[in-house]
Amino acid sequence: MGTGKYYSFTIKIITSIVLLFYLSSCFEKKSYSKTIKINDLFFQGEVKVEKIEKLNKYKVTIINSTTGLSDRIYTPYEIFQMEIGDVNHDGKTDICIGIIKPTPFDPVFKKRLFIFQIDRDYIRPLWLGSRLVNPLEEFRVCKNNNKITIKTIERQINNIYCVNEYRWESFGMSFIKKHNNSLSYSNALLILNNSK
């Protein structure tokens, strides 16, 4: 190989590596963060989820604006969603966290739904069962006729999804009904986003 061809080949390789590095940094996933105000009879303040880069953990914090008290929990697992609502119908706002993690009975990293309650300015686990009918993709806390339910997008097979609905039953989430079946993700998301 001549010097000119070698030089040209080397420039192409270096350019390709630089381009790949640049593109990978452009598509780097942003950490999830969200803050939601809470105002019920038992708690006035906010709940916040944020990534603490130094610790490489997510932190969920509640801050009571009336008392000035706060509480926090940490997780090393990726959080992809947070919603609030009185899931167990006790008059107190609950925190629904979408988290990607394994469990003792299912060692695969999957999207899971955990529910926490605010109990006298402390974050307490309400439901860590995380198991739904199908693998979870996304969820919404919905209020219909003053009843809180959770609607989900769940993966049936490959790129086929359904929209399901759950409600609290004494010790956890109970399946109510399947709203739609055999959907593309975009159609399932449209249905979920139109849920109230």
C-alpha atoms as a PDB file:
ATOM      1  CA  MET A   1       0.000   0.000   0.000  1.00  0.00           C
ATOM      2  CA  GLY A   2       1.429   3.383  -1.001  1.00  0.00           C
ATOM      3  CA  THR A   3       2.002   6.184   1.500  1.00  0.00           C
ATOM      4  CA  GLY A   4      -0.875   8.274   0.115  1.00  0.00           C
ATOM      5  CA  LYS A   5      -3.345   5.365   0.311  1.00  0.00           C
ATOM      6  CA  TYR A   6      -2.163   4.475   3.823  1.00  0.00           C
ATOM      7  CA  TYR A   7      -2.559   8.106   4.945  1.00  0.00           C
ATOM      8  CA  SER A   8      -6.057   8.314   3.398  1.00  0.00           C
ATOM      9  CA  PHE A   9      -7.080   5.003   5.028  1.00  0.00           C
ATOM     10  CA  THR A  10      -5.801   6.186   8.445  1.00  0.00           C
ATOM     11  CA  ILE A  11      -7.713   9.481   8.160  1.00  0.00           C
ATOM     12  CA  LYS A  12     -10.926   7.563   7.333  1.00  0.00           C
ATOM     13  CA  ILE A  13     -10.496   5.290  10.373  1.00  0.00           C
ATOM     14  CA  ILE A  14      -9.794   8.201  12.725  1.00  0.00           C
ATOM     15  CA  THR A  15     -12.729  10.173  11.304  1.00  0.00           C
ATOM     16  CA  SER A  16     -15.027   7.149  11.776  1.00  0.00           C
ATOM     17  CA  ILE A  17     -13.928   6.686  15.392  1.00  0.00           C
ATOM     18  CA  VAL A  18     -14.417  10.385  16.195  1.00  0.00           C
ATOM     19  CA  LEU A  19     -17.846  10.331  14.503  1.00  0.00           C
ATOM     20  CA  LEU A  20     -18.920   7.228  16.462  1.00  0.00           C
ATOM     21  CA  PHE A  21     -17.763   8.783  19.729  1.00  0.00           C
ATOM     22  CA  TYR A  22     -19.638  12.012  18.931  1.00  0.00           C
ATOM     23  CA  LEU A  23     -22.844  10.185  17.970  1.00  0.00           C
ATOM     24  CA  SER A  24     -22.768   7.988  21.074  1.00  0.00           C
ATOM     25  CA  SER A  25     -22.453  11.080  23.302  1.00  0.00           C
ATOM     26  CA  CYS A  26     -25.367  12.749  21.450  1.00  0.00           C
ATOM     27  CA  PHE A  27     -27.621   9.786  22.148  1.00  0.00           C
ATOM     28  CA  GLU A  28     -26.562   9.379  25.767  1.00  0.00           C
ATOM     29  CA  LYS A  29     -29.680   8.756  27.829  1.00  0.00           C
ATOM     30  CA  LYS A  30     -30.691  11.575  30.143  1.00  0.00           C
ATOM     31  CA  SER A  31     -31.406  10.709  33.747  1.00  0.00           C
ATOM     32  CA  TYR A  32     -35.061  10.877  34.777  1.00  0.00           C
ATOM     33  CA  SER A  33     -36.119  13.694  37.114  1.00  0.00           C
ATOM     34  CA  LYS A  34     -39.489  15.067  38.145  1.00  0.00           C
ATOM     35  CA  THR A  35     -41.044  17.178  40.906  1.00  0.00           C
ATOM     36  CA  ILE A  36     -44.756  17.025  41.784  1.00  0.00           C
ATOM     37  CA  LYS A  37     -46.664  19.219  44.249  1.00  0.00           C
ATOM     38  CA  ILE A  38     -48.879  17.448  46.802  1.00  0.00           C
ATOM     39  CA  ASN A  39     -51.758  19.072  48.650  1.00  0.00           C
ATOM     40  CA  ASP A  40     -54.055  16.751  50.589  1.00  0.00           C
ATOM     41  CA  LEU A  41     -55.438  16.806  54.144  1.00  0.00           C
ATOM     42  CA  PHE A  42     -52.347  15.016  55.499  1.00  0.00           C
ATOM     43  CA  PHE A  43     -49.425  16.434  53.503  1.00  0.00           C
ATOM     44  CA  GLN A  44     -48.684  19.730  51.789  1.00  0.00           C
ATOM     45  CA  GLY A  45     -45.404  19.881  49.939  1.00  0.00           C
ATOM     46  CA  GLU A  46     -43.690  18.083  47.105  1.00  0.00           C
ATOM     47  CA  VAL A  47     -42.138  14.827  46.016  1.00  0.00           C
ATOM     48  CA  LYS A  48     -39.047  14.851  43.848  1.00  0.00           C
ATOM     49  CA  VAL A  49     -37.070  12.161  42.032  1.00  0.00           C
ATOM     50  CA  GLU A  50     -33.562  12.907  40.796  1.00  0.00           C
ATOM     51  CA  LYS A  51     -30.339  11.152  39.866  1.00  0.00           C
ATOM     52  CA  ILE A  52     -27.415  11.778  42.233  1.00  0.00           C
ATOM     53  CA  GLU A  53     -24.506  11.356  39.824  1.00  0.00           C
ATOM     54  CA  LYS A  54     -21.810  11.259  42.547  1.00  0.00           C
ATOM     55  CA  LEU A  55     -23.517   8.270  44.177  1.00  0.00           C
ATOM     56  CA  ASN A  56     -24.787   6.784  40.897  1.00  0.00           C
ATOM     57  CA  LYS A  57     -28.173   6.395  42.606  1.00  0.00           C
ATOM     58  CA  TYR A  58     -31.646   7.839  42.303  1.00  0.00           C
ATOM     59  CA  LYS A  59     -33.112   9.735  45.239  1.00  0.00           C
ATOM     60  CA  VAL A  60     -36.819  10.130  45.984  1.00  0.00           C
ATOM     61  CA  THR A  61     -37.455  13.006  48.417  1.00  0.00           C
ATOM     62  CA  ILE A  62     -40.574  14.360  50.103  1.00  0.00           C
ATOM     63  CA  ILE A  63     -40.539  17.848  51.604  1.00  0.00           C
ATOM     64  CA  ASN A  64     -43.410  19.001  53.826  1.00  0.00           C
ATOM     65  CA  SER A  65     -43.804  22.735  53.263  1.00  0.00           C
ATOM     66  CA  THR A  66     -45.906  23.095  56.454  1.00  0.00           C
ATOM     67  CA  THR A  67     -43.533  21.409  58.918  1.00  0.00           C
ATOM     68  CA  GLY A  68     -40.257  21.775  57.017  1.00  0.00           C
ATOM     69  CA  LEU A  69     -39.603  18.051  57.557  1.00  0.00           C
ATOM     70  CA  SER A  70     -38.328  15.818  54.776  1.00  0.00           C
ATOM     71  CA  ASP A  71     -37.532  12.181  54.070  1.00  0.00           C
ATOM     72  CA  ARG A  72     -35.687  10.425  51.279  1.00  0.00           C
ATOM     73  CA  ILE A  73     -34.991   6.990  49.907  1.00  0.00           C
ATOM     74  CA  TYR A  74     -32.241   5.918  47.512  1.00  0.00           C
ATOM     75  CA  THR A  75     -32.070   3.224  44.865  1.00  0.00           C
ATOM     76  CA  PRO A  76     -29.189   2.130  42.623  1.00  0.00           C
ATOM     77  CA  TYR A  77     -31.731   1.121  39.968  1.00  0.00           C
ATOM     78  CA  GLU A  78     -32.948   3.249  37.062  1.00  0.00           C
ATOM     79  CA  ILE A  79     -36.201   5.159  37.636  1.00  0.00           C
ATOM     80  CA  PHE A  80     -38.197   5.795  34.470  1.00  0.00           C
ATOM     81  CA  GLN A  81     -41.467   7.266  35.768  1.00  0.00           C
ATOM     82  CA  MET A  82     -43.200   8.821  38.785  1.00  0.00           C
ATOM     83  CA  GLU A  83     -46.927   9.537  39.304  1.00  0.00           C
ATOM     84  CA  ILE A  84     -49.004  10.318  42.398  1.00  0.00           C
ATOM     85  CA  GLY A  85     -52.531   9.580  43.595  1.00  0.00           C
ATOM     86  CA  ASP A  86     -54.493   8.109  46.493  1.00  0.00           C
ATOM     87  CA  VAL A  87     -54.027   4.550  45.267  1.00  0.00           C
ATOM     88  CA  ASN A  88     -55.259   2.753  48.423  1.00  0.00           C
ATOM     89  CA  HIS A  89     -58.173   5.186  49.045  1.00  0.00           C
ATOM     90  CA  ASP A  90     -57.114   6.294  52.543  1.00  0.00           C
ATOM     91  CA  GLY A  91     -57.156  10.033  51.779  1.00  0.00           C
ATOM     92  CA  LYS A  92     -53.343  10.244  51.576  1.00  0.00           C
ATOM     93  CA  THR A  93     -51.355  10.783  48.397  1.00  0.00           C
ATOM     94  CA  ASP A  94     -49.259   7.785  47.347  1.00  0.00           C
ATOM     95  CA  ILE A  95     -46.154   7.818  45.162  1.00  0.00           C
ATOM     96  CA  CYS A  96     -46.015   5.409  42.212  1.00  0.00           C
ATOM     97  CA  ILE A  97     -42.486   4.764  40.978  1.00  0.00           C
ATOM     98  CA  GLY A  98     -41.541   2.994  37.763  1.00  0.00           C
ATOM     99  CA  ILE A  99     -38.193   1.318  38.313  1.00  0.00           C
ATOM    100  CA  ILE A 100     -36.027  -1.050  36.267  1.00  0.00           C
ATOM    101  CA  LYS A 101     -34.722  -3.804  38.530  1.00  0.00           C
ATOM    102  CA  PRO A 102     -34.635  -7.522  39.260  1.00  0.00           C
ATOM    103  CA  THR A 103     -36.523  -9.110  42.155  1.00  0.00           C
ATOM    104  CA  PRO A 104     -35.659 -12.137  44.322  1.00  0.00           C
ATOM    105  CA  PHE A 105     -38.101 -14.288  42.313  1.00  0.00           C
ATOM    106  CA  ASP A 106     -37.311 -12.763  38.895  1.00  0.00           C
ATOM    107  CA  PRO A 107     -33.597 -11.971  38.417  1.00  0.00           C
ATOM    108  CA  VAL A 108     -34.165 -10.224  35.052  1.00  0.00           C
ATOM    109  CA  PHE A 109     -33.981  -6.420  34.894  1.00  0.00           C
ATOM    110  CA  LYS A 110     -37.524  -5.325  33.982  1.00  0.00           C
ATOM    111  CA  LYS A 111     -39.714  -2.264  34.332  1.00  0.00           C
ATOM    112  CA  ARG A 112     -41.674  -2.627  37.561  1.00  0.00           C
ATOM    113  CA  LEU A 113     -44.227  -0.587  39.503  1.00  0.00           C
ATOM    114  CA  PHE A 114     -43.590   0.165  43.178  1.00  0.00           C
ATOM    115  CA  ILE A 115     -45.950   2.186  45.367  1.00  0.00           C
ATOM    116  CA  PHE A 116     -44.940   4.180  48.441  1.00  0.00           C
ATOM    117  CA  GLN A 117     -47.118   6.044  50.928  1.00  0.00           C
ATOM    118  CA  ILE A 118     -46.420   9.230  52.827  1.00  0.00           C
ATOM    119  CA  ASP A 119     -46.878   8.443  56.504  1.00  0.00           C
ATOM    120  CA  ARG A 120     -46.307  11.362  58.923  1.00  0.00           C
ATOM    121  CA  ASP A 121     -43.554  12.875  56.755  1.00  0.00           C
ATOM    122  CA  TYR A 122     -41.890   9.505  56.074  1.00  0.00           C
ATOM    123  CA  ILE A 123     -41.780   7.491  52.856  1.00  0.00           C
ATOM    124  CA  ARG A 124     -43.053   3.964  53.557  1.00  0.00           C
ATOM    125  CA  PRO A 125     -43.407   1.026  51.141  1.00  0.00           C
ATOM    126  CA  LEU A 126     -47.048   0.301  50.305  1.00  0.00           C
ATOM    127  CA  TRP A 127     -46.693  -2.233  47.490  1.00  0.00           C
ATOM    128  CA  LEU A 128     -43.450  -3.729  46.233  1.00  0.00           C
ATOM    129  CA  GLY A 129     -45.086  -6.665  44.484  1.00  0.00           C
ATOM    130  CA  SER A 130     -44.387  -5.135  41.089  1.00  0.00           C
ATOM    131  CA  ARG A 131     -45.960  -8.070  39.211  1.00  0.00           C
ATOM    132  CA  LEU A 132     -48.649  -7.304  36.653  1.00  0.00           C
ATOM    133  CA  VAL A 133     -50.349  -9.494  34.055  1.00  0.00           C
ATOM    134  CA  ASN A 134     -47.679  -8.767  31.385  1.00  0.00           C
ATOM    135  CA  PRO A 135     -44.309  -6.967  31.412  1.00  0.00           C
ATOM    136  CA  LEU A 136     -44.795  -3.266  32.199  1.00  0.00           C
ATOM    137  CA  GLU A 137     -43.843  -0.489  29.779  1.00  0.00           C
ATOM    138  CA  GLU A 138     -45.584   2.624  31.157  1.00  0.00           C
ATOM    139  CA  PHE A 139     -48.412   3.593  33.543  1.00  0.00           C
ATOM    140  CA  ARG A 140     -50.795   6.389  34.514  1.00  0.00           C
ATOM    141  CA  VAL A 141     -52.633   7.070  37.770  1.00  0.00           C
ATOM    142  CA  CYS A 142     -56.236   7.789  36.721  1.00  0.00           C
ATOM    143  CA  LYS A 143     -59.228   9.161  38.603  1.00  0.00           C
ATOM    144  CA  ASN A 144     -62.701   8.062  37.451  1.00  0.00           C
ATOM    145  CA  ASN A 145     -65.788   8.797  39.555  1.00  0.00           C
ATOM    146  CA  ASN A 146     -63.534   9.654  42.532  1.00  0.00           C
ATOM    147  CA  LYS A 147     -61.879   6.220  42.295  1.00  0.00           C
ATOM    148  CA  ILE A 148     -58.162   5.928  41.612  1.00  0.00           C
ATOM    149  CA  THR A 149     -56.986   3.219  39.240  1.00  0.00           C
ATOM    150  CA  ILE A 150     -53.727   2.577  37.466  1.00  0.00           C
ATOM    151  CA  LYS A 151     -53.734   2.054  33.717  1.00  0.00           C
ATOM    152  CA  THR A 152     -50.712   0.441  32.125  1.00  0.00           C
ATOM    153  CA  ILE A 153     -49.140  -0.309  28.808  1.00  0.00           C
ATOM    154  CA  GLU A 154     -47.898  -3.891  28.955  1.00  0.00           C
ATOM    155  CA  ARG A 155     -45.949  -5.891  26.386  1.00  0.00           C
ATOM    156  CA  GLN A 156     -47.760  -8.989  25.172  1.00  0.00           C
ATOM    157  CA  ILE A 157     -45.246 -10.312  22.616  1.00  0.00           C
ATOM    158  CA  ASN A 158     -42.438  -8.612  20.699  1.00  0.00           C
ATOM    159  CA  ASN A 159     -43.934  -5.322  19.444  1.00  0.00           C
ATOM    160  CA  ILE A 160     -47.544  -6.020  20.474  1.00  0.00           C
ATOM    161  CA  TYR A 161     -48.961  -4.199  23.517  1.00  0.00           C
ATOM    162  CA  CYS A 162     -52.142  -3.950  25.560  1.00  0.00           C
ATOM    163  CA  VAL A 163     -53.670  -1.384  27.926  1.00  0.00           C
ATOM    164  CA  ASN A 164     -54.745  -2.847  31.280  1.00  0.00           C
ATOM    165  CA  GLU A 165     -56.345  -1.354  34.386  1.00  0.00           C
ATOM    166  CA  TYR A 166     -55.728  -2.145  38.076  1.00  0.00           C
ATOM    167  CA  ARG A 167     -57.120  -1.018  41.424  1.00  0.00           C
ATOM    168  CA  TRP A 168     -56.038  -1.403  45.027  1.00  0.00           C
ATOM    169  CA  GLU A 169     -57.498  -4.413  46.850  1.00  0.00           C
ATOM    170  CA  SER A 170     -56.503  -4.639  50.549  1.00  0.00           C
ATOM    171  CA  PHE A 171     -52.909  -5.912  50.018  1.00  0.00           C
ATOM    172  CA  GLY A 172     -51.986  -4.896  46.501  1.00  0.00           C
ATOM    173  CA  MET A 173     -52.962  -4.134  42.961  1.00  0.00           C
ATOM    174  CA  SER A 174     -55.736  -6.241  41.461  1.00  0.00           C
ATOM    175  CA  PHE A 175     -56.428  -6.602  37.735  1.00  0.00           C
ATOM    176  CA  ILE A 176     -59.762  -5.021  36.694  1.00  0.00           C
ATOM    177  CA  LYS A 177     -59.875  -5.314  32.927  1.00  0.00           C
ATOM    178  CA  LYS A 178     -58.076  -5.188  29.628  1.00  0.00           C
ATOM    179  CA  HIS A 179     -59.061  -2.019  27.740  1.00  0.00           C
ATOM    180  CA  ASN A 180     -57.336  -2.743  24.457  1.00  0.00           C
ATOM    181  CA  ASN A 181     -55.380  -5.608  22.997  1.00  0.00           C
ATOM    182  CA  SER A 182     -52.870  -6.253  20.185  1.00  0.00           C
ATOM    183  CA  LEU A 183     -51.790  -2.631  19.793  1.00  0.00           C
ATOM    184  CA  SER A 184     -48.688  -0.936  18.466  1.00  0.00           C
ATOM    185  CA  TYR A 185     -46.799   0.972  21.155  1.00  0.00           C
ATOM    186  CA  SER A 186     -47.794   4.338  19.665  1.00  0.00           C
ATOM    187  CA  ASN A 187     -51.513   3.402  19.692  1.00  0.00           C
ATOM    188  CA  ALA A 188     -51.253   2.089  23.263  1.00  0.00           C
ATOM    189  CA  LEU A 189     -49.525   5.320  24.327  1.00  0.00           C
ATOM    190  CA  LEU A 190     -52.264   7.389  22.671  1.00  0.00           C
ATOM    191  CA  ILE A 191     -54.928   5.470  24.628  1.00  0.00           C
ATOM    192  CA  LEU A 192     -52.953   5.790  27.873  1.00  0.00           C
ATOM    193  CA  ASN A 193     -52.387   9.524  27.406  1.00  0.00           C
ATOM    194  CA  ASN A 194     -56.108  10.056  26.853  1.00  0.00           C
ATOM    195  CA  SER A 195     -56.916   8.277  30.137  1.00  0.00           C
ATOM    196  CA  LYS A 196     -58.156  10.460  32.931  1.00  0.00           C
END
